[in-house]
N, C-alpha and C. Protein backbone atom coordinates (compact mmCIF):
# COMPACT_ATOMS: atom_id res chain seq x y z
N MET A 1 9.73 -6.44 -2.19
CA MET A 1 8.52 -6.00 -2.88
C MET A 1 8.70 -6.15 -4.39
N SER A 2 7.65 -6.57 -5.08
CA SER A 2 7.74 -6.78 -6.52
C SER A 2 7.93 -5.45 -7.24
N PRO A 3 8.61 -5.47 -8.41
CA PRO A 3 8.77 -4.23 -9.19
C PRO A 3 7.41 -3.64 -9.55
N VAL A 4 7.34 -2.31 -9.53
CA VAL A 4 6.06 -1.64 -9.82
C VAL A 4 5.96 -1.29 -11.29
N PHE A 5 6.97 -0.61 -11.84
CA PHE A 5 6.97 -0.22 -13.24
C PHE A 5 7.99 -1.06 -14.00
N SER A 6 7.61 -1.48 -15.19
CA SER A 6 8.57 -2.14 -16.06
C SER A 6 9.54 -1.10 -16.62
N HIS A 7 10.61 -1.56 -17.27
CA HIS A 7 11.65 -0.65 -17.75
C HIS A 7 11.07 0.41 -18.70
N GLY A 8 11.31 1.68 -18.39
CA GLY A 8 10.87 2.78 -19.25
C GLY A 8 9.45 3.26 -18.99
N SER A 9 8.67 2.50 -18.22
CA SER A 9 7.27 2.87 -18.02
C SER A 9 7.12 4.10 -17.14
N LEU A 10 7.95 4.20 -16.08
CA LEU A 10 7.82 5.34 -15.18
C LEU A 10 8.11 6.65 -15.90
N ARG A 11 9.07 6.66 -16.80
CA ARG A 11 9.41 7.86 -17.57
C ARG A 11 8.18 8.37 -18.33
N LEU A 12 7.48 7.46 -19.02
CA LEU A 12 6.31 7.85 -19.78
C LEU A 12 5.16 8.25 -18.85
N TYR A 13 5.06 7.58 -17.70
CA TYR A 13 3.99 7.91 -16.77
C TYR A 13 4.19 9.29 -16.16
N LEU A 14 5.44 9.65 -15.90
CA LEU A 14 5.71 11.00 -15.40
C LEU A 14 5.29 12.05 -16.43
N LEU A 15 5.54 11.77 -17.69
CA LEU A 15 5.10 12.70 -18.74
C LEU A 15 3.58 12.87 -18.71
N SER A 16 2.87 11.75 -18.51
CA SER A 16 1.40 11.83 -18.50
C SER A 16 0.91 12.65 -17.31
N LEU A 17 1.58 12.53 -16.16
CA LEU A 17 1.21 13.34 -14.99
C LEU A 17 1.46 14.82 -15.23
N LEU A 18 2.57 15.13 -15.89
CA LEU A 18 2.86 16.53 -16.20
C LEU A 18 1.94 17.07 -17.29
N ASP A 19 1.41 16.20 -18.11
CA ASP A 19 0.44 16.63 -19.12
C ASP A 19 -0.86 17.09 -18.45
N GLU A 20 -1.16 16.54 -17.26
CA GLU A 20 -2.35 16.95 -16.52
C GLU A 20 -2.17 18.35 -15.94
N ALA A 21 -0.96 18.63 -15.45
CA ALA A 21 -0.67 19.94 -14.84
C ALA A 21 0.81 20.01 -14.49
N PRO A 22 1.40 21.21 -14.52
CA PRO A 22 2.78 21.35 -14.05
C PRO A 22 2.86 20.95 -12.57
N ARG A 23 3.96 20.34 -12.19
CA ARG A 23 4.11 19.89 -10.80
C ARG A 23 5.56 20.00 -10.38
N HIS A 24 5.79 20.17 -9.09
CA HIS A 24 7.15 20.04 -8.59
C HIS A 24 7.36 18.59 -8.15
N GLY A 25 8.59 18.25 -7.79
CA GLY A 25 8.94 16.85 -7.55
C GLY A 25 8.09 16.19 -6.50
N TYR A 26 7.87 16.88 -5.37
CA TYR A 26 7.07 16.27 -4.29
C TYR A 26 5.64 16.00 -4.76
N GLU A 27 5.09 16.90 -5.56
CA GLU A 27 3.73 16.70 -6.06
C GLU A 27 3.66 15.47 -6.96
N LEU A 28 4.71 15.23 -7.74
CA LEU A 28 4.74 14.03 -8.57
C LEU A 28 4.81 12.78 -7.71
N ILE A 29 5.63 12.82 -6.67
CA ILE A 29 5.72 11.68 -5.75
C ILE A 29 4.36 11.44 -5.09
N GLN A 30 3.71 12.52 -4.65
CA GLN A 30 2.41 12.38 -4.00
C GLN A 30 1.35 11.87 -4.96
N ALA A 31 1.39 12.34 -6.23
CA ALA A 31 0.42 11.88 -7.22
C ALA A 31 0.57 10.38 -7.46
N LEU A 32 1.81 9.90 -7.54
CA LEU A 32 2.05 8.47 -7.73
C LEU A 32 1.60 7.69 -6.50
N THR A 33 1.87 8.23 -5.32
CA THR A 33 1.43 7.57 -4.09
C THR A 33 -0.08 7.44 -4.07
N ASP A 34 -0.79 8.51 -4.47
CA ASP A 34 -2.25 8.48 -4.50
C ASP A 34 -2.77 7.47 -5.52
N ARG A 35 -2.12 7.41 -6.69
CA ARG A 35 -2.56 6.46 -7.72
C ARG A 35 -2.47 5.02 -7.22
N PHE A 36 -1.50 4.78 -6.34
CA PHE A 36 -1.28 3.43 -5.82
C PHE A 36 -1.95 3.20 -4.46
N GLY A 37 -2.81 4.14 -4.07
CA GLY A 37 -3.54 3.95 -2.82
C GLY A 37 -2.66 3.82 -1.61
N GLY A 38 -1.46 4.42 -1.67
CA GLY A 38 -0.55 4.38 -0.53
C GLY A 38 0.30 3.12 -0.45
N THR A 39 0.11 2.16 -1.38
CA THR A 39 0.89 0.92 -1.33
C THR A 39 2.27 1.09 -1.95
N TYR A 40 2.50 2.18 -2.67
CA TYR A 40 3.81 2.44 -3.27
C TYR A 40 4.06 3.93 -3.26
N SER A 41 5.25 4.32 -2.83
CA SER A 41 5.64 5.72 -2.84
C SER A 41 7.07 5.80 -3.35
N PRO A 42 7.28 6.35 -4.54
CA PRO A 42 8.65 6.39 -5.10
C PRO A 42 9.53 7.34 -4.31
N SER A 43 10.81 7.06 -4.30
CA SER A 43 11.76 7.93 -3.60
C SER A 43 12.18 9.07 -4.51
N ALA A 44 12.75 10.11 -3.89
CA ALA A 44 13.27 11.22 -4.69
C ALA A 44 14.37 10.74 -5.63
N GLY A 45 15.14 9.75 -5.20
CA GLY A 45 16.20 9.20 -6.04
C GLY A 45 15.68 8.46 -7.24
N THR A 46 14.40 8.09 -7.21
CA THR A 46 13.77 7.45 -8.37
C THR A 46 13.22 8.49 -9.34
N ILE A 47 12.65 9.56 -8.80
CA ILE A 47 11.94 10.54 -9.62
C ILE A 47 12.86 11.57 -10.28
N TYR A 48 13.75 12.19 -9.50
CA TYR A 48 14.51 13.33 -10.03
C TYR A 48 15.48 12.97 -11.17
N PRO A 49 16.16 11.83 -11.12
CA PRO A 49 17.01 11.50 -12.28
C PRO A 49 16.20 11.34 -13.57
N ARG A 50 14.99 10.82 -13.47
CA ARG A 50 14.16 10.68 -14.67
C ARG A 50 13.66 12.04 -15.16
N LEU A 51 13.35 12.93 -14.24
CA LEU A 51 12.96 14.28 -14.64
C LEU A 51 14.12 14.99 -15.33
N ALA A 52 15.33 14.79 -14.81
CA ALA A 52 16.51 15.41 -15.42
C ALA A 52 16.71 14.88 -16.84
N LYS A 53 16.50 13.58 -17.02
CA LYS A 53 16.65 12.98 -18.35
C LYS A 53 15.59 13.51 -19.31
N LEU A 54 14.36 13.65 -18.83
CA LEU A 54 13.30 14.20 -19.67
C LEU A 54 13.61 15.64 -20.07
N GLU A 55 14.21 16.39 -19.15
CA GLU A 55 14.59 17.77 -19.46
C GLU A 55 15.69 17.79 -20.51
N GLU A 56 16.67 16.92 -20.39
CA GLU A 56 17.75 16.83 -21.38
C GLU A 56 17.21 16.54 -22.77
N GLU A 57 16.16 15.73 -22.82
CA GLU A 57 15.58 15.33 -24.10
C GLU A 57 14.61 16.38 -24.64
N GLY A 58 14.40 17.47 -23.88
CA GLY A 58 13.51 18.53 -24.34
C GLY A 58 12.04 18.21 -24.19
N LEU A 59 11.72 17.22 -23.37
CA LEU A 59 10.32 16.81 -23.21
C LEU A 59 9.66 17.52 -22.04
N VAL A 60 10.46 18.05 -21.11
CA VAL A 60 9.92 18.86 -20.02
C VAL A 60 10.83 20.06 -19.81
N THR A 61 10.29 21.07 -19.18
CA THR A 61 11.08 22.23 -18.76
C THR A 61 10.93 22.38 -17.26
N LYS A 62 11.83 23.14 -16.66
CA LYS A 62 11.69 23.41 -15.22
C LYS A 62 11.87 24.90 -14.98
N SER A 63 11.16 25.36 -13.97
CA SER A 63 11.27 26.77 -13.60
C SER A 63 11.20 26.86 -12.08
N ALA A 64 11.74 27.96 -11.53
CA ALA A 64 11.76 28.14 -10.08
C ALA A 64 10.56 28.95 -9.64
N GLU A 65 9.88 28.45 -8.61
CA GLU A 65 8.80 29.18 -7.96
C GLU A 65 9.13 29.24 -6.48
N GLY A 66 9.77 30.31 -6.06
CA GLY A 66 10.27 30.39 -4.70
C GLY A 66 11.39 29.38 -4.52
N ARG A 67 11.22 28.49 -3.54
CA ARG A 67 12.23 27.46 -3.29
C ARG A 67 11.94 26.18 -4.05
N LYS A 68 10.85 26.16 -4.78
CA LYS A 68 10.44 24.93 -5.47
C LYS A 68 10.80 24.99 -6.95
N THR A 69 11.13 23.83 -7.50
CA THR A 69 11.36 23.70 -8.94
C THR A 69 10.15 23.02 -9.55
N VAL A 70 9.50 23.72 -10.46
CA VAL A 70 8.28 23.20 -11.08
C VAL A 70 8.60 22.68 -12.48
N TYR A 71 8.10 21.49 -12.78
CA TYR A 71 8.32 20.86 -14.08
C TYR A 71 7.04 20.95 -14.90
N ALA A 72 7.22 21.21 -16.21
CA ALA A 72 6.07 21.31 -17.12
C ALA A 72 6.41 20.58 -18.41
N ILE A 73 5.42 19.99 -19.02
CA ILE A 73 5.63 19.26 -20.26
C ILE A 73 5.76 20.25 -21.42
N THR A 74 6.55 19.91 -22.41
CA THR A 74 6.72 20.75 -23.60
C THR A 74 5.87 20.19 -24.74
N ASP A 75 5.83 20.93 -25.84
CA ASP A 75 5.11 20.43 -27.02
C ASP A 75 5.71 19.12 -27.51
N ALA A 76 7.05 19.02 -27.41
CA ALA A 76 7.70 17.77 -27.81
C ALA A 76 7.28 16.62 -26.90
N GLY A 77 7.11 16.93 -25.61
CA GLY A 77 6.66 15.91 -24.67
C GLY A 77 5.25 15.46 -24.97
N ARG A 78 4.37 16.40 -25.33
CA ARG A 78 2.99 16.04 -25.68
C ARG A 78 2.96 15.21 -26.96
N ALA A 79 3.84 15.55 -27.89
CA ALA A 79 3.90 14.79 -29.14
C ALA A 79 4.34 13.35 -28.86
N GLU A 80 5.30 13.18 -27.97
CA GLU A 80 5.73 11.81 -27.63
C GLU A 80 4.61 11.05 -26.94
N LEU A 81 3.90 11.74 -26.04
CA LEU A 81 2.78 11.09 -25.38
C LEU A 81 1.75 10.60 -26.38
N GLU A 82 1.42 11.47 -27.34
CA GLU A 82 0.41 11.11 -28.34
C GLU A 82 0.88 9.95 -29.19
N ALA A 83 2.17 9.97 -29.56
CA ALA A 83 2.71 8.90 -30.40
C ALA A 83 2.74 7.57 -29.65
N ARG A 84 2.84 7.64 -28.34
CA ARG A 84 2.96 6.41 -27.54
C ARG A 84 1.72 6.16 -26.69
N ARG A 85 0.58 6.67 -27.16
CA ARG A 85 -0.67 6.52 -26.42
C ARG A 85 -1.02 5.06 -26.11
N PRO A 86 -0.84 4.13 -27.05
CA PRO A 86 -1.13 2.72 -26.72
C PRO A 86 -0.27 2.20 -25.57
N GLU A 87 1.01 2.63 -25.55
CA GLU A 87 1.90 2.22 -24.45
C GLU A 87 1.39 2.78 -23.13
N LEU A 88 0.93 4.03 -23.15
CA LEU A 88 0.45 4.66 -21.93
C LEU A 88 -0.80 3.94 -21.41
N ASP A 89 -1.69 3.55 -22.32
CA ASP A 89 -2.89 2.80 -21.92
C ASP A 89 -2.48 1.48 -21.25
N ALA A 90 -1.47 0.85 -21.82
CA ALA A 90 -0.99 -0.42 -21.24
C ALA A 90 -0.39 -0.18 -19.86
N ILE A 91 0.29 0.97 -19.69
CA ILE A 91 0.89 1.29 -18.38
C ILE A 91 -0.22 1.50 -17.35
N GLU A 92 -1.32 2.14 -17.74
CA GLU A 92 -2.44 2.34 -16.81
C GLU A 92 -2.95 0.99 -16.31
N GLU A 93 -3.06 0.02 -17.22
CA GLU A 93 -3.47 -1.32 -16.81
C GLU A 93 -2.41 -1.94 -15.91
N GLU A 94 -1.15 -1.68 -16.22
CA GLU A 94 -0.04 -2.18 -15.42
C GLU A 94 -0.10 -1.60 -14.01
N VAL A 95 -0.43 -0.31 -13.90
CA VAL A 95 -0.55 0.33 -12.59
C VAL A 95 -1.66 -0.32 -11.78
N THR A 96 -2.81 -0.57 -12.41
CA THR A 96 -3.92 -1.22 -11.71
C THR A 96 -3.51 -2.59 -11.20
N ASP A 97 -2.83 -3.36 -12.05
CA ASP A 97 -2.36 -4.69 -11.63
C ASP A 97 -1.34 -4.58 -10.49
N SER A 98 -0.47 -3.57 -10.57
CA SER A 98 0.55 -3.39 -9.53
C SER A 98 -0.09 -3.04 -8.20
N VAL A 99 -1.14 -2.19 -8.22
CA VAL A 99 -1.82 -1.83 -6.99
C VAL A 99 -2.40 -3.08 -6.33
N ARG A 100 -3.04 -3.92 -7.14
CA ARG A 100 -3.62 -5.15 -6.58
C ARG A 100 -2.52 -6.06 -6.02
N ARG A 101 -1.42 -6.18 -6.77
CA ARG A 101 -0.34 -7.06 -6.34
C ARG A 101 0.31 -6.56 -5.05
N LEU A 102 0.54 -5.24 -4.98
CA LEU A 102 1.16 -4.68 -3.78
C LEU A 102 0.23 -4.82 -2.58
N ALA A 103 -1.06 -4.63 -2.79
CA ALA A 103 -2.02 -4.79 -1.69
C ALA A 103 -2.02 -6.23 -1.20
N ASP A 104 -1.95 -7.18 -2.15
CA ASP A 104 -1.88 -8.60 -1.77
C ASP A 104 -0.63 -8.87 -0.95
N GLU A 105 0.50 -8.26 -1.34
CA GLU A 105 1.75 -8.48 -0.60
C GLU A 105 1.65 -7.89 0.81
N VAL A 106 1.01 -6.72 0.92
CA VAL A 106 0.84 -6.11 2.25
C VAL A 106 -0.03 -7.00 3.13
N ARG A 107 -1.15 -7.48 2.55
CA ARG A 107 -2.04 -8.34 3.34
C ARG A 107 -1.34 -9.63 3.74
N ALA A 108 -0.56 -10.21 2.81
CA ALA A 108 0.16 -11.44 3.13
C ALA A 108 1.16 -11.21 4.25
N GLY A 109 1.85 -10.06 4.21
CA GLY A 109 2.81 -9.75 5.27
C GLY A 109 2.14 -9.60 6.62
N VAL A 110 0.99 -8.93 6.63
CA VAL A 110 0.25 -8.76 7.89
C VAL A 110 -0.24 -10.11 8.40
N ASN A 111 -0.74 -10.96 7.49
CA ASN A 111 -1.22 -12.28 7.90
C ASN A 111 -0.09 -13.11 8.49
N ASP A 112 1.09 -13.05 7.85
CA ASP A 112 2.24 -13.79 8.38
C ASP A 112 2.61 -13.28 9.78
N ALA A 113 2.59 -11.96 9.95
CA ALA A 113 2.92 -11.39 11.26
C ALA A 113 1.91 -11.82 12.32
N MET A 114 0.63 -11.87 11.94
CA MET A 114 -0.40 -12.29 12.89
C MET A 114 -0.23 -13.75 13.27
N ARG A 115 0.10 -14.60 12.28
CA ARG A 115 0.30 -16.02 12.59
C ARG A 115 1.51 -16.20 13.51
N THR A 116 2.57 -15.47 13.23
CA THR A 116 3.76 -15.56 14.08
C THR A 116 3.45 -15.09 15.50
N LEU A 117 2.68 -14.02 15.62
CA LEU A 117 2.33 -13.50 16.93
C LEU A 117 1.49 -14.51 17.71
N ARG A 118 0.51 -15.14 17.02
CA ARG A 118 -0.32 -16.13 17.70
C ARG A 118 0.52 -17.32 18.18
N ALA A 119 1.48 -17.75 17.34
CA ALA A 119 2.34 -18.86 17.73
C ALA A 119 3.20 -18.50 18.93
N GLU A 120 3.72 -17.27 18.94
CA GLU A 120 4.56 -16.84 20.06
C GLU A 120 3.74 -16.74 21.35
N LEU A 121 2.51 -16.24 21.24
CA LEU A 121 1.66 -16.15 22.42
C LEU A 121 1.32 -17.53 22.96
N ALA A 122 1.02 -18.46 22.05
CA ALA A 122 0.70 -19.82 22.48
C ALA A 122 1.90 -20.47 23.15
N SER A 123 3.09 -20.26 22.58
CA SER A 123 4.30 -20.82 23.17
C SER A 123 4.56 -20.23 24.56
N ALA A 124 4.36 -18.93 24.70
CA ALA A 124 4.56 -18.27 25.99
C ALA A 124 3.57 -18.80 27.02
N ALA A 125 2.34 -19.04 26.59
CA ALA A 125 1.33 -19.56 27.51
C ALA A 125 1.70 -20.96 28.00
N ARG A 126 2.19 -21.81 27.07
CA ARG A 126 2.60 -23.16 27.46
C ARG A 126 3.78 -23.12 28.42
N GLU A 127 4.74 -22.25 28.16
CA GLU A 127 5.90 -22.11 29.02
C GLU A 127 5.49 -21.64 30.42
N ALA A 128 4.55 -20.71 30.48
CA ALA A 128 4.07 -20.23 31.77
C ALA A 128 3.40 -21.34 32.55
N LYS A 129 2.65 -22.19 31.85
CA LYS A 129 1.99 -23.31 32.52
C LYS A 129 3.00 -24.28 33.09
N ARG A 130 4.04 -24.58 32.32
CA ARG A 130 5.07 -25.51 32.78
C ARG A 130 5.79 -24.96 34.01
N ASN A 131 6.04 -23.66 34.02
CA ASN A 131 6.76 -23.06 35.12
C ASN A 131 5.91 -22.88 36.37
N ALA A 132 4.57 -22.85 36.16
CA ALA A 132 3.68 -22.57 37.29
C ALA A 132 3.81 -23.62 38.38
N SER A 133 4.03 -24.87 37.99
CA SER A 133 4.11 -25.94 38.98
C SER A 133 5.43 -25.94 39.74
N ARG A 134 6.41 -25.12 39.30
CA ARG A 134 7.73 -25.15 39.91
C ARG A 134 8.04 -23.88 40.71
N VAL A 135 7.08 -22.99 40.84
CA VAL A 135 7.33 -21.73 41.55
C VAL A 135 6.37 -21.58 42.71
N GLY A 136 6.71 -20.71 43.65
CA GLY A 136 5.87 -20.44 44.79
C GLY A 136 4.70 -19.54 44.42
N PRO A 137 3.73 -19.41 45.32
CA PRO A 137 2.53 -18.60 45.04
C PRO A 137 2.84 -17.15 44.68
N ARG A 138 3.80 -16.54 45.41
CA ARG A 138 4.11 -15.13 45.14
C ARG A 138 4.75 -14.97 43.77
N GLN A 139 5.72 -15.83 43.46
CA GLN A 139 6.36 -15.75 42.15
C GLN A 139 5.38 -16.08 41.04
N GLU A 140 4.51 -17.06 41.30
CA GLU A 140 3.50 -17.43 40.30
C GLU A 140 2.58 -16.26 39.99
N ALA A 141 2.18 -15.54 41.06
CA ALA A 141 1.30 -14.39 40.85
C ALA A 141 2.00 -13.31 40.04
N GLN A 142 3.29 -13.08 40.33
CA GLN A 142 4.04 -12.07 39.59
C GLN A 142 4.18 -12.46 38.12
N GLU A 143 4.51 -13.73 37.89
CA GLU A 143 4.67 -14.18 36.51
C GLU A 143 3.35 -14.13 35.75
N THR A 144 2.25 -14.39 36.45
CA THR A 144 0.94 -14.28 35.81
C THR A 144 0.67 -12.84 35.40
N ARG A 145 1.02 -11.89 36.32
CA ARG A 145 0.83 -10.48 35.98
C ARG A 145 1.71 -10.08 34.79
N ASP A 146 2.96 -10.58 34.80
CA ASP A 146 3.87 -10.27 33.69
C ASP A 146 3.33 -10.83 32.37
N ALA A 147 2.83 -12.07 32.43
CA ALA A 147 2.30 -12.70 31.21
C ALA A 147 1.08 -11.94 30.70
N ASP A 148 0.22 -11.48 31.65
CA ASP A 148 -0.96 -10.72 31.24
C ASP A 148 -0.56 -9.40 30.60
N ARG A 149 0.46 -8.75 31.20
CA ARG A 149 0.93 -7.49 30.65
C ARG A 149 1.51 -7.68 29.25
N ASP A 150 2.31 -8.73 29.08
CA ASP A 150 2.90 -9.01 27.77
C ASP A 150 1.82 -9.35 26.75
N ALA A 151 0.82 -10.10 27.19
CA ALA A 151 -0.27 -10.47 26.28
C ALA A 151 -1.03 -9.23 25.82
N ARG A 152 -1.27 -8.30 26.79
CA ARG A 152 -1.97 -7.07 26.41
C ARG A 152 -1.13 -6.24 25.45
N ALA A 153 0.18 -6.16 25.71
CA ALA A 153 1.05 -5.39 24.82
C ALA A 153 1.07 -6.00 23.42
N ALA A 154 1.17 -7.34 23.37
CA ALA A 154 1.16 -8.01 22.07
C ALA A 154 -0.18 -7.81 21.37
N GLY A 155 -1.26 -7.82 22.15
CA GLY A 155 -2.58 -7.59 21.57
C GLY A 155 -2.70 -6.20 20.98
N ASN A 156 -2.12 -5.19 21.66
CA ASN A 156 -2.15 -3.82 21.14
C ASN A 156 -1.38 -3.71 19.83
N VAL A 157 -0.23 -4.40 19.75
CA VAL A 157 0.55 -4.41 18.51
C VAL A 157 -0.26 -5.05 17.39
N ALA A 158 -0.88 -6.20 17.70
CA ALA A 158 -1.69 -6.89 16.69
C ALA A 158 -2.84 -6.01 16.22
N MET A 159 -3.45 -5.27 17.16
CA MET A 159 -4.57 -4.40 16.81
C MET A 159 -4.11 -3.29 15.86
N ARG A 160 -2.95 -2.69 16.15
CA ARG A 160 -2.44 -1.64 15.26
C ARG A 160 -2.14 -2.19 13.88
N ASP A 161 -1.54 -3.38 13.82
CA ASP A 161 -1.23 -4.00 12.53
C ASP A 161 -2.50 -4.31 11.75
N ALA A 162 -3.52 -4.82 12.47
CA ALA A 162 -4.77 -5.15 11.81
C ALA A 162 -5.46 -3.89 11.26
N GLU A 163 -5.45 -2.82 12.06
CA GLU A 163 -6.06 -1.56 11.60
C GLU A 163 -5.31 -1.00 10.39
N ALA A 164 -3.98 -1.12 10.39
CA ALA A 164 -3.20 -0.66 9.25
C ALA A 164 -3.54 -1.46 8.00
N ALA A 165 -3.70 -2.78 8.16
CA ALA A 165 -4.05 -3.63 7.01
C ALA A 165 -5.42 -3.26 6.47
N ILE A 166 -6.38 -3.01 7.37
CA ILE A 166 -7.73 -2.64 6.95
C ILE A 166 -7.71 -1.31 6.21
N ASN A 167 -6.97 -0.33 6.73
CA ASN A 167 -6.90 0.98 6.08
C ASN A 167 -6.24 0.89 4.71
N GLU A 168 -5.18 0.08 4.60
CA GLU A 168 -4.50 -0.06 3.32
C GLU A 168 -5.41 -0.75 2.30
N PHE A 169 -6.16 -1.76 2.77
CA PHE A 169 -7.11 -2.43 1.88
C PHE A 169 -8.19 -1.45 1.41
N ARG A 170 -8.68 -0.63 2.34
CA ARG A 170 -9.72 0.35 2.01
C ARG A 170 -9.22 1.35 0.97
N GLN A 171 -8.00 1.85 1.15
CA GLN A 171 -7.44 2.80 0.20
C GLN A 171 -7.27 2.16 -1.18
N GLN A 172 -6.77 0.93 -1.17
CA GLN A 172 -6.53 0.25 -2.46
C GLN A 172 -7.84 0.01 -3.20
N LEU A 173 -8.87 -0.44 -2.45
CA LEU A 173 -10.16 -0.71 -3.08
C LEU A 173 -10.78 0.58 -3.60
N ARG A 174 -10.67 1.67 -2.85
CA ARG A 174 -11.21 2.94 -3.32
C ARG A 174 -10.50 3.39 -4.60
N THR A 175 -9.18 3.18 -4.65
CA THR A 175 -8.43 3.53 -5.86
C THR A 175 -8.93 2.74 -7.06
N ASP A 176 -9.12 1.42 -6.87
CA ASP A 176 -9.62 0.57 -7.96
C ASP A 176 -11.00 1.02 -8.42
N LEU A 177 -11.88 1.29 -7.45
CA LEU A 177 -13.26 1.67 -7.79
C LEU A 177 -13.29 3.02 -8.53
N ARG A 178 -12.49 3.98 -8.06
CA ARG A 178 -12.46 5.29 -8.71
C ARG A 178 -11.90 5.19 -10.13
N TYR A 179 -10.89 4.34 -10.27
CA TYR A 179 -10.29 4.17 -11.60
C TYR A 179 -11.32 3.57 -12.57
N GLN A 180 -12.02 2.53 -12.12
CA GLN A 180 -13.03 1.90 -12.98
C GLN A 180 -14.18 2.87 -13.27
N ALA A 181 -14.56 3.68 -12.27
CA ALA A 181 -15.63 4.66 -12.47
C ALA A 181 -15.21 5.71 -13.51
N ALA A 182 -13.94 6.12 -13.44
CA ALA A 182 -13.44 7.11 -14.40
C ALA A 182 -13.47 6.57 -15.83
N LEU A 183 -13.30 5.26 -15.96
CA LEU A 183 -13.35 4.63 -17.28
C LEU A 183 -14.79 4.30 -17.72
N GLY A 184 -15.75 4.53 -16.81
CA GLY A 184 -17.13 4.22 -17.13
C GLY A 184 -17.44 2.74 -17.06
N LEU A 185 -16.63 1.98 -16.32
CA LEU A 185 -16.77 0.52 -16.27
C LEU A 185 -17.37 0.04 -14.95
N LEU A 186 -17.66 0.96 -14.02
CA LEU A 186 -18.16 0.56 -12.71
C LEU A 186 -19.68 0.45 -12.75
N SER A 187 -20.19 -0.73 -12.40
CA SER A 187 -21.65 -0.95 -12.38
C SER A 187 -22.13 -1.16 -10.96
N ALA A 188 -23.46 -1.07 -10.78
CA ALA A 188 -24.04 -1.24 -9.45
C ALA A 188 -23.89 -2.66 -8.95
N ASP A 189 -23.61 -3.61 -9.84
CA ASP A 189 -23.46 -5.01 -9.42
C ASP A 189 -22.31 -5.20 -8.45
N VAL A 190 -21.35 -4.27 -8.46
CA VAL A 190 -20.18 -4.45 -7.61
C VAL A 190 -20.50 -4.23 -6.14
N VAL A 191 -21.58 -3.48 -5.83
CA VAL A 191 -21.90 -3.17 -4.44
C VAL A 191 -22.28 -4.41 -3.64
N PRO A 192 -23.26 -5.24 -4.11
CA PRO A 192 -23.53 -6.46 -3.35
C PRO A 192 -22.34 -7.41 -3.29
N LEU A 193 -21.50 -7.39 -4.34
CA LEU A 193 -20.30 -8.23 -4.30
C LEU A 193 -19.38 -7.80 -3.17
N ILE A 194 -19.15 -6.48 -3.05
CA ILE A 194 -18.29 -5.97 -1.98
C ILE A 194 -18.88 -6.31 -0.61
N LYS A 195 -20.20 -6.08 -0.45
CA LYS A 195 -20.83 -6.37 0.83
C LYS A 195 -20.72 -7.84 1.19
N GLY A 196 -20.94 -8.70 0.19
CA GLY A 196 -20.88 -10.14 0.44
C GLY A 196 -19.48 -10.58 0.83
N GLU A 197 -18.47 -10.07 0.13
CA GLU A 197 -17.09 -10.46 0.42
C GLU A 197 -16.64 -9.93 1.78
N LEU A 198 -17.02 -8.69 2.11
CA LEU A 198 -16.65 -8.13 3.41
C LEU A 198 -17.31 -8.91 4.55
N ASP A 199 -18.58 -9.31 4.34
CA ASP A 199 -19.26 -10.09 5.36
C ASP A 199 -18.61 -11.46 5.52
N ARG A 200 -18.18 -12.06 4.40
CA ARG A 200 -17.52 -13.37 4.46
C ARG A 200 -16.20 -13.27 5.23
N VAL A 201 -15.42 -12.22 4.95
CA VAL A 201 -14.15 -12.03 5.65
C VAL A 201 -14.37 -11.79 7.14
N ARG A 202 -15.38 -10.97 7.48
CA ARG A 202 -15.67 -10.70 8.89
C ARG A 202 -16.03 -11.97 9.63
N ARG A 203 -16.88 -12.82 9.00
CA ARG A 203 -17.26 -14.08 9.66
C ARG A 203 -16.06 -14.99 9.84
N ALA A 204 -15.19 -15.05 8.81
CA ALA A 204 -14.01 -15.91 8.90
C ALA A 204 -13.08 -15.45 10.03
N VAL A 205 -12.87 -14.13 10.14
CA VAL A 205 -12.01 -13.61 11.20
C VAL A 205 -12.62 -13.87 12.57
N THR A 206 -13.95 -13.65 12.69
CA THR A 206 -14.63 -13.88 13.97
C THR A 206 -14.51 -15.34 14.40
N GLU A 207 -14.73 -16.25 13.45
CA GLU A 207 -14.62 -17.69 13.77
C GLU A 207 -13.20 -18.04 14.19
N ALA A 208 -12.19 -17.46 13.51
CA ALA A 208 -10.80 -17.75 13.85
C ALA A 208 -10.48 -17.25 15.27
N LEU A 209 -11.00 -16.08 15.62
CA LEU A 209 -10.76 -15.55 16.97
C LEU A 209 -11.46 -16.39 18.03
N GLU A 210 -12.65 -16.88 17.74
CA GLU A 210 -13.39 -17.69 18.72
C GLU A 210 -12.76 -19.04 18.95
N ARG A 211 -11.99 -19.52 17.96
CA ARG A 211 -11.33 -20.83 18.11
C ARG A 211 -10.09 -20.76 18.98
N ARG A 212 -9.59 -19.54 19.21
CA ARG A 212 -8.35 -19.39 19.99
C ARG A 212 -8.56 -19.67 21.45
């Protein structure tokens, strides 16, 4: 998977999230996951060392709330954010680009898996045909049942993968639209564009399935 944040960007982005509200580590991970529409979720090993460094620098503080450690930005942290506001704006654009890139990688991976599955099914069908002429009626019937069962199982796997790809695309698109709306850049012109593109993709998929 391609890198999501450039060097030093995640540190500043964590400060911006804490500027919105104090959070514990899991909430920061969840907030980042939401910003990326589920296409990227940082590990605890990525987040906590950076929080510790920010605390050492006096930019955040931590306090215990029950079993949870809550992090909050300090005045020094807000001052750094303000001084580096242009960098933060650039990071927001970087996040948007990363979301699109990660979604493209997910879709490409699903497409590759679907192509591989179709090739394997076609190969299995050809092999079954070749073997059909060399087996007796009872064995042929059994192998046909086995092939049908395998085809159904493969179809169920493909269906789950396709649904996952559709859901990930939906989440990513919603994230993009909400981000643009928050910036005041979303216009009504995008609605017919979305409808047209979705209809084009549906027709292309339907035609591909009918050719099989």
